[in-house]
Amino acid sequence: MSPEERELLNRSVSLAEENNKILLSVKRSMRISKIMTYIYLIFIIGSAAGAYYLLQPYIDQLIGIYGNVQGTFDNIKQFSQ
């Protein structure tokens, strides 16, 4: 093997090692990004569920009031006939 070929081979090896480091870094970044996305989605869904849990009594009360108002309008309709 000539010295020029050896130098090219050494350069190729060093470039391959550098590419490997870069690819591992990209892979690690993608993994961290995916984990953070899952944590973000869990946080959003959990916040929505928590908000519903906290607001559920008020929502039930509003539904009850709506039903009472609707019943009152039905009684007024029946009374006017």
PDB file of N, CA and C in Angstrom:
ATOM      1  N   MET A   1       0.849  -1.166   0.000  1.00  0.00           N
ATOM      2  CA  MET A   1       0.000   0.000   0.000  1.00  0.00           C
ATOM      3  C   MET A   1       0.900   1.236   0.000  1.00  0.00           C
ATOM      4  N   SER A   2       0.624   2.116  -0.923  1.00  0.00           N
ATOM      5  CA  SER A   2       1.450   3.322  -1.044  1.00  0.00           C
ATOM      6  C   SER A   2       1.092   4.320   0.061  1.00  0.00           C
ATOM      7  N   PRO A   3       1.978   5.233   0.338  1.00  0.00           N
ATOM      8  CA  PRO A   3       1.706   6.235   1.384  1.00  0.00           C
ATOM      9  C   PRO A   3       0.480   7.097   1.071  1.00  0.00           C
ATOM     10  N   GLU A   4       0.254   7.381  -0.211  1.00  0.00           N
ATOM     11  CA  GLU A   4      -0.920   8.179  -0.574  1.00  0.00           C
ATOM     12  C   GLU A   4      -2.206   7.413  -0.298  1.00  0.00           C
ATOM     13  N   GLU A   5      -2.208   6.118  -0.619  1.00  0.00           N
ATOM     14  CA  GLU A   5      -3.387   5.294  -0.342  1.00  0.00           C
ATOM     15  C   GLU A   5      -3.631   5.184   1.157  1.00  0.00           C
ATOM     16  N   ARG A   6      -2.543   5.026   1.906  1.00  0.00           N
ATOM     17  CA  ARG A   6      -2.666   4.934   3.369  1.00  0.00           C
ATOM     18  C   ARG A   6      -3.246   6.241   3.935  1.00  0.00           C
ATOM     19  N   GLU A   7      -2.769   7.376   3.395  1.00  0.00           N
ATOM     20  CA  GLU A   7      -3.278   8.670   3.860  1.00  0.00           C
ATOM     21  C   GLU A   7      -4.766   8.811   3.524  1.00  0.00           C
ATOM     22  N   LEU A   8      -5.148   8.409   2.311  1.00  0.00           N
ATOM     23  CA  LEU A   8      -6.565   8.455   1.934  1.00  0.00           C
ATOM     24  C   LEU A   8      -7.399   7.537   2.824  1.00  0.00           C
ATOM     25  N   LEU A   9      -6.861   6.360   3.126  1.00  0.00           N
ATOM     26  CA  LEU A   9      -7.569   5.428   3.998  1.00  0.00           C
ATOM     27  C   LEU A   9      -7.725   6.013   5.398  1.00  0.00           C
ATOM     28  N   ASN A  10      -6.668   6.626   5.909  1.00  0.00           N
ATOM     29  CA  ASN A  10      -6.744   7.253   7.233  1.00  0.00           C
ATOM     30  C   ASN A  10      -7.752   8.402   7.246  1.00  0.00           C
ATOM     31  N   ARG A  11      -7.776   9.189   6.169  1.00  0.00           N
ATOM     32  CA  ARG A  11      -8.755  10.276   6.072  1.00  0.00           C
ATOM     33  C   ARG A  11     -10.169   9.719   6.021  1.00  0.00           C
ATOM     34  N   SER A  12     -10.349   8.642   5.262  1.00  0.00           N
ATOM     35  CA  SER A  12     -11.676   8.024   5.173  1.00  0.00           C
ATOM     36  C   SER A  12     -12.131   7.503   6.531  1.00  0.00           C
ATOM     37  N   VAL A  13     -11.220   6.890   7.258  1.00  0.00           N
ATOM     38  CA  VAL A  13     -11.553   6.368   8.588  1.00  0.00           C
ATOM     39  C   VAL A  13     -11.911   7.512   9.527  1.00  0.00           C
ATOM     40  N   SER A  14     -11.115   8.582   9.489  1.00  0.00           N
ATOM     41  CA  SER A  14     -11.405   9.711  10.386  1.00  0.00           C
ATOM     42  C   SER A  14     -12.727  10.376  10.015  1.00  0.00           C
ATOM     43  N   LEU A  15     -13.023  10.478   8.710  1.00  0.00           N
ATOM     44  CA  LEU A  15     -14.314  11.032   8.289  1.00  0.00           C
ATOM     45  C   LEU A  15     -15.466  10.126   8.717  1.00  0.00           C
ATOM     46  N   ALA A  16     -15.273   8.823   8.602  1.00  0.00           N
ATOM     47  CA  ALA A  16     -16.317   7.887   9.026  1.00  0.00           C
ATOM     48  C   ALA A  16     -16.563   7.997  10.525  1.00  0.00           C
ATOM     49  N   GLU A  17     -15.494   8.142  11.304  1.00  0.00           N
ATOM     50  CA  GLU A  17     -15.659   8.295  12.757  1.00  0.00           C
ATOM     51  C   GLU A  17     -16.369   9.607  13.087  1.00  0.00           C
ATOM     52  N   GLU A  18     -16.012  10.665  12.377  1.00  0.00           N
ATOM     53  CA  GLU A  18     -16.663  11.955  12.607  1.00  0.00           C
ATOM     54  C   GLU A  18     -18.145  11.884  12.227  1.00  0.00           C
ATOM     55  N   ASN A  19     -18.441  11.250  11.093  1.00  0.00           N
ATOM     56  CA  ASN A  19     -19.835  11.073  10.681  1.00  0.00           C
ATOM     57  C   ASN A  19     -20.606  10.253  11.699  1.00  0.00           C
ATOM     58  N   ASN A  20     -19.968   9.232  12.245  1.00  0.00           N
ATOM     59  CA  ASN A  20     -20.620   8.399  13.253  1.00  0.00           C
ATOM     60  C   ASN A  20     -20.977   9.229  14.482  1.00  0.00           C
ATOM     61  N   LYS A  21     -20.039  10.092  14.918  1.00  0.00           N
ATOM     62  CA  LYS A  21     -20.318  10.956  16.069  1.00  0.00           C
ATOM     63  C   LYS A  21     -21.485  11.894  15.774  1.00  0.00           C
ATOM     64  N   ILE A  22     -21.492  12.466  14.579  1.00  0.00           N
ATOM     65  CA  ILE A  22     -22.569  13.382  14.200  1.00  0.00           C
ATOM     66  C   ILE A  22     -23.900  12.647  14.145  1.00  0.00           C
ATOM     67  N   LEU A  23     -23.906  11.458  13.542  1.00  0.00           N
ATOM     68  CA  LEU A  23     -25.147  10.685  13.447  1.00  0.00           C
ATOM     69  C   LEU A  23     -25.661  10.274  14.819  1.00  0.00           C
ATOM     70  N   LEU A  24     -24.766   9.899  15.717  1.00  0.00           N
ATOM     71  CA  LEU A  24     -25.191   9.558  17.073  1.00  0.00           C
ATOM     72  C   LEU A  24     -25.774  10.776  17.782  1.00  0.00           C
ATOM     73  N   SER A  25     -25.184  11.935  17.550  1.00  0.00           N
ATOM     74  CA  SER A  25     -25.702  13.167  18.141  1.00  0.00           C
ATOM     75  C   SER A  25     -27.094  13.487  17.598  1.00  0.00           C
ATOM     76  N   VAL A  26     -27.281  13.320  16.297  1.00  0.00           N
ATOM     77  CA  VAL A  26     -28.590  13.562  15.686  1.00  0.00           C
ATOM     78  C   VAL A  26     -29.612  12.573  16.225  1.00  0.00           C
ATOM     79  N   LYS A  27     -29.220  11.316  16.340  1.00  0.00           N
ATOM     80  CA  LYS A  27     -30.122  10.290  16.862  1.00  0.00           C
ATOM     81  C   LYS A  27     -30.520  10.610  18.300  1.00  0.00           C
ATOM     82  N   ARG A  28     -29.565  11.027  19.112  1.00  0.00           N
ATOM     83  CA  ARG A  28     -29.838  11.389  20.505  1.00  0.00           C
ATOM     84  C   ARG A  28     -30.788  12.584  20.555  1.00  0.00           C
ATOM     85  N   SER A  29     -30.560  13.571  19.700  1.00  0.00           N
ATOM     86  CA  SER A  29     -31.425  14.751  19.662  1.00  0.00           C
ATOM     87  C   SER A  29     -32.847  14.383  19.259  1.00  0.00           C
ATOM     88  N   MET A  30     -32.975  13.489  18.290  1.00  0.00           N
ATOM     89  CA  MET A  30     -34.305  13.053  17.862  1.00  0.00           C
ATOM     90  C   MET A  30     -35.013  12.298  18.982  1.00  0.00           C
ATOM     91  N   ARG A  31     -34.288  11.468  19.710  1.00  0.00           N
ATOM     92  CA  ARG A  31     -34.875  10.715  20.815  1.00  0.00           C
ATOM     93  C   ARG A  31     -35.360  11.671  21.908  1.00  0.00           C
ATOM     94  N   ILE A  32     -34.527  12.650  22.245  1.00  0.00           N
ATOM     95  CA  ILE A  32     -34.909  13.628  23.269  1.00  0.00           C
ATOM     96  C   ILE A  32     -36.113  14.441  22.796  1.00  0.00           C
ATOM     97  N   SER A  33     -36.124  14.808  21.531  1.00  0.00           N
ATOM     98  CA  SER A  33     -37.246  15.564  20.976  1.00  0.00           C
ATOM     99  C   SER A  33     -38.536  14.757  21.048  1.00  0.00           C
ATOM    100  N   LYS A  34     -38.462  13.476  20.729  1.00  0.00           N
ATOM    101  CA  LYS A  34     -39.646  12.621  20.780  1.00  0.00           C
ATOM    102  C   LYS A  34     -40.151  12.485  22.219  1.00  0.00           C
ATOM    103  N   ILE A  35     -39.244  12.307  23.160  1.00  0.00           N
ATOM    104  CA  ILE A  35     -39.635  12.193  24.570  1.00  0.00           C
ATOM    105  C   ILE A  35     -40.291  13.489  25.042  1.00  0.00           C
ATOM    106  N   MET A  36     -39.710  14.626  24.672  1.00  0.00           N
ATOM    107  CA  MET A  36     -40.283  15.911  25.077  1.00  0.00           C
ATOM    108  C   MET A  36     -41.659  16.122  24.448  1.00  0.00           C
ATOM    109  N   THR A  37     -41.848  15.656  23.213  1.00  0.00           N
ATOM    110  CA  THR A  37     -43.154  15.763  22.572  1.00  0.00           C
ATOM    111  C   THR A  37     -44.182  14.934  23.325  1.00  0.00           C
ATOM    112  N   TYR A  38     -43.820  13.715  23.729  1.00  0.00           N
ATOM    113  CA  TYR A  38     -44.740  12.886  24.502  1.00  0.00           C
ATOM    114  C   TYR A  38     -45.068  13.529  25.842  1.00  0.00           C
ATOM    115  N   ILE A  39     -44.070  14.087  26.504  1.00  0.00           N
ATOM    116  CA  ILE A  39     -44.314  14.760  27.784  1.00  0.00           C
ATOM    117  C   ILE A  39     -45.245  15.951  27.581  1.00  0.00           C
ATOM    118  N   TYR A  40     -45.042  16.702  26.508  1.00  0.00           N
ATOM    119  CA  TYR A  40     -45.892  17.854  26.203  1.00  0.00           C
ATOM    120  C   TYR A  40     -47.332  17.413  25.959  1.00  0.00           C
ATOM    121  N   LEU A  41     -47.516  16.346  25.177  1.00  0.00           N
ATOM    122  CA  LEU A  41     -48.869  15.861  24.901  1.00  0.00           C
ATOM    123  C   LEU A  41     -49.540  15.350  26.167  1.00  0.00           C
ATOM    124  N   ILE A  42     -48.801  14.636  26.995  1.00  0.00           N
ATOM    125  CA  ILE A  42     -49.360  14.155  28.261  1.00  0.00           C
ATOM    126  C   ILE A  42     -49.753  15.342  29.134  1.00  0.00           C
ATOM    127  N   PHE A  43     -48.937  16.380  29.148  1.00  0.00           N
ATOM    128  CA  PHE A  43     -49.252  17.576  29.926  1.00  0.00           C
ATOM    129  C   PHE A  43     -50.525  18.246  29.412  1.00  0.00           C
ATOM    130  N   ILE A  44     -50.664  18.376  28.102  1.00  0.00           N
ATOM    131  CA  ILE A  44     -51.846  19.013  27.517  1.00  0.00           C
ATOM    132  C   ILE A  44     -53.096  18.198  27.823  1.00  0.00           C
ATOM    133  N   ILE A  45     -53.038  16.887  27.600  1.00  0.00           N
ATOM    134  CA  ILE A  45     -54.202  16.032  27.859  1.00  0.00           C
ATOM    135  C   ILE A  45     -54.524  16.016  29.347  1.00  0.00           C
ATOM    136  N   GLY A  46     -53.503  15.946  30.186  1.00  0.00           N
ATOM    137  CA  GLY A  46     -53.722  15.968  31.634  1.00  0.00           C
ATOM    138  C   GLY A  46     -54.331  17.279  32.095  1.00  0.00           C
ATOM    139  N   SER A  47     -53.886  18.382  31.513  1.00  0.00           N
ATOM    140  CA  SER A  47     -54.453  19.685  31.868  1.00  0.00           C
ATOM    141  C   SER A  47     -55.921  19.767  31.473  1.00  0.00           C
ATOM    142  N   ALA A  48     -56.245  19.255  30.295  1.00  0.00           N
ATOM    143  CA  ALA A  48     -57.641  19.273  29.856  1.00  0.00           C
ATOM    144  C   ALA A  48     -58.502  18.404  30.772  1.00  0.00           C
ATOM    145  N   ALA A  49     -58.009  17.228  31.127  1.00  0.00           N
ATOM    146  CA  ALA A  49     -58.764  16.345  32.023  1.00  0.00           C
ATOM    147  C   ALA A  49     -58.900  16.978  33.405  1.00  0.00           C
ATOM    148  N   GLY A  50     -57.852  17.597  33.904  1.00  0.00           N
ATOM    149  CA  GLY A  50     -57.910  18.265  35.201  1.00  0.00           C
ATOM    150  C   GLY A  50     -58.872  19.436  35.192  1.00  0.00           C
ATOM    151  N   ALA A  51     -58.858  20.206  34.112  1.00  0.00           N
ATOM    152  CA  ALA A  51     -59.785  21.335  34.003  1.00  0.00           C
ATOM    153  C   ALA A  51     -61.223  20.838  33.975  1.00  0.00           C
ATOM    154  N   TYR A  52     -61.477  19.764  33.240  1.00  0.00           N
ATOM    155  CA  TYR A  52     -62.830  19.214  33.205  1.00  0.00           C
ATOM    156  C   TYR A  52     -63.229  18.718  34.590  1.00  0.00           C
ATOM    157  N   TYR A  53     -62.315  18.067  35.291  1.00  0.00           N
ATOM    158  CA  TYR A  53     -62.603  17.560  36.633  1.00  0.00           C
ATOM    159  C   TYR A  53     -62.950  18.711  37.579  1.00  0.00           C
ATOM    160  N   LEU A  54     -62.213  19.813  37.476  1.00  0.00           N
ATOM    161  CA  LEU A  54     -62.477  20.956  38.343  1.00  0.00           C
ATOM    162  C   LEU A  54     -63.754  21.701  37.950  1.00  0.00           C
ATOM    163  N   LEU A  55     -64.056  21.740  36.659  1.00  0.00           N
ATOM    164  CA  LEU A  55     -65.219  22.488  36.178  1.00  0.00           C
ATOM    165  C   LEU A  55     -66.485  21.649  36.080  1.00  0.00           C
ATOM    166  N   GLN A  56     -66.384  20.354  36.303  1.00  0.00           N
ATOM    167  CA  GLN A  56     -67.536  19.467  36.142  1.00  0.00           C
ATOM    168  C   GLN A  56     -68.738  19.882  36.989  1.00  0.00           C
ATOM    169  N   PRO A  57     -68.593  20.259  38.263  1.00  0.00           N
ATOM    170  CA  PRO A  57     -69.780  20.680  39.021  1.00  0.00           C
ATOM    171  C   PRO A  57     -70.464  21.899  38.401  1.00  0.00           C
ATOM    172  N   TYR A  58     -69.690  22.834  37.904  1.00  0.00           N
ATOM    173  CA  TYR A  58     -70.272  24.022  37.284  1.00  0.00           C
ATOM    174  C   TYR A  58     -70.957  23.669  35.966  1.00  0.00           C
ATOM    175  N   ILE A  59     -70.355  22.775  35.212  1.00  0.00           N
ATOM    176  CA  ILE A  59     -70.960  22.336  33.952  1.00  0.00           C
ATOM    177  C   ILE A  59     -72.272  21.614  34.229  1.00  0.00           C
ATOM    178  N   ASP A  60     -72.285  20.734  35.227  1.00  0.00           N
ATOM    179  CA  ASP A  60     -73.524  20.037  35.589  1.00  0.00           C
ATOM    180  C   ASP A  60     -74.588  21.026  36.044  1.00  0.00           C
ATOM    181  N   GLN A  61     -74.184  22.045  36.777  1.00  0.00           N
ATOM    182  CA  GLN A  61     -75.125  23.061  37.240  1.00  0.00           C
ATOM    183  C   GLN A  61     -75.702  23.824  36.048  1.00  0.00           C
ATOM    184  N   LEU A  62     -74.863  24.186  35.090  1.00  0.00           N
ATOM    185  CA  LEU A  62     -75.349  24.882  33.893  1.00  0.00           C
ATOM    186  C   LEU A  62     -76.298  24.007  33.085  1.00  0.00           C
ATOM    187  N   ILE A  63     -75.999  22.724  32.995  1.00  0.00           N
ATOM    188  CA  ILE A  63     -76.891  21.809  32.275  1.00  0.00           C
ATOM    189  C   ILE A  63     -78.232  21.731  32.993  1.00  0.00           C
ATOM    190  N   GLY A  64     -78.203  21.695  34.326  1.00  0.00           N
ATOM    191  CA  GLY A  64     -79.446  21.680  35.096  1.00  0.00           C
ATOM    192  C   GLY A  64     -80.247  22.954  34.898  1.00  0.00           C
ATOM    193  N   ILE A  65     -79.577  24.097  34.904  1.00  0.00           N
ATOM    194  CA  ILE A  65     -80.266  25.375  34.684  1.00  0.00           C
ATOM    195  C   ILE A  65     -80.875  25.406  33.289  1.00  0.00           C
ATOM    196  N   TYR A  66     -80.134  24.934  32.296  1.00  0.00           N
ATOM    197  CA  TYR A  66     -80.658  24.887  30.929  1.00  0.00           C
ATOM    198  C   TYR A  66     -81.903  24.014  30.863  1.00  0.00           C
ATOM    199  N   GLY A  67     -81.864  22.866  31.537  1.00  0.00           N
ATOM    200  CA  GLY A  67     -83.038  21.984  31.562  1.00  0.00           C
ATOM    201  C   GLY A  67     -84.222  22.653  32.236  1.00  0.00           C
ATOM    202  N   ASN A  68     -83.980  23.388  33.319  1.00  0.00           N
ATOM    203  CA  ASN A  68     -85.067  24.092  34.000  1.00  0.00           C
ATOM    204  C   ASN A  68     -85.662  25.186  33.123  1.00  0.00           C
ATOM    205  N   VAL A  69     -84.812  25.934  32.441  1.00  0.00           N
ATOM    206  CA  VAL A  69     -85.293  26.995  31.550  1.00  0.00           C
ATOM    207  C   VAL A  69     -86.092  26.389  30.411  1.00  0.00           C
ATOM    208  N   GLN A  70     -85.608  25.299  29.879  1.00  0.00           N
ATOM    209  CA  GLN A  70     -86.321  24.635  28.788  1.00  0.00           C
ATOM    210  C   GLN A  70     -87.675  24.130  29.284  1.00  0.00           C
ATOM    211  N   GLY A  71     -87.715  23.569  30.484  1.00  0.00           N
ATOM    212  CA  GLY A  71     -88.984  23.117  31.061  1.00  0.00           C
ATOM    213  C   GLY A  71     -89.932  24.276  31.296  1.00  0.00           C
ATOM    214  N   THR A  72     -89.404  25.414  31.734  1.00  0.00           N
ATOM    215  CA  THR A  72     -90.239  26.602  31.947  1.00  0.00           C
ATOM    216  C   THR A  72     -90.838  27.077  30.634  1.00  0.00           C
ATOM    217  N   PHE A  73     -90.050  27.110  29.566  1.00  0.00           N
ATOM    218  CA  PHE A  73     -90.582  27.513  28.264  1.00  0.00           C
ATOM    219  C   PHE A  73     -91.635  26.523  27.773  1.00  0.00           C
ATOM    220  N   ASP A  74     -91.439  25.248  28.026  1.00  0.00           N
ATOM    221  CA  ASP A  74     -92.441  24.253  27.645  1.00  0.00           C
ATOM    222  C   ASP A  74     -93.734  24.485  28.416  1.00  0.00           C
ATOM    223  N   ASN A  75     -93.636  24.806  29.708  1.00  0.00           N
ATOM    224  CA  ASN A  75     -94.828  25.091  30.510  1.00  0.00           C
ATOM    225  C   ASN A  75     -95.545  26.337  30.013  1.00  0.00           C
ATOM    226  N   ILE A  76     -94.773  27.347  29.619  1.00  0.00           N
ATOM    227  CA  ILE A  76     -95.385  28.572  29.083  1.00  0.00           C
ATOM    228  C   ILE A  76     -96.111  28.264  27.787  1.00  0.00           C
ATOM    229  N   LYS A  77     -95.530  27.438  26.930  1.00  0.00           N
ATOM    230  CA  LYS A  77     -96.182  27.057  25.671  1.00  0.00           C
ATOM    231  C   LYS A  77     -97.483  26.319  25.946  1.00  0.00           C
ATOM    232  N   GLN A  78     -97.444  25.382  26.881  1.00  0.00           N
ATOM    233  CA  GLN A  78     -98.651  24.617  27.202  1.00  0.00           C
ATOM    234  C   GLN A  78     -99.714  25.521  27.825  1.00  0.00           C
ATOM    235  N   PHE A  79     -99.312  26.460  28.637  1.00  0.00           N
ATOM    236  CA  PHE A  79    -100.250  27.352  29.300  1.00  0.00           C
ATOM    237  C   PHE A  79    -100.919  28.284  28.297  1.00  0.00           C
ATOM    238  N   SER A  80    -100.170  28.728  27.282  1.00  0.00           N
ATOM    239  CA  SER A  80    -100.723  29.666  26.311  1.00  0.00           C
ATOM    240  C   SER A  80    -101.671  28.984  25.334  1.00  0.00           C
ATOM    241  N   GLN A  81    -101.638  27.691  25.223  1.00  0.00           N
ATOM    242  CA  GLN A  81    -102.513  26.989  24.273  1.00  0.00           C
ATOM    243  C   GLN A  81    -103.836  26.774  24.840  1.00  0.00           C
TER     244      GLN A  81
END
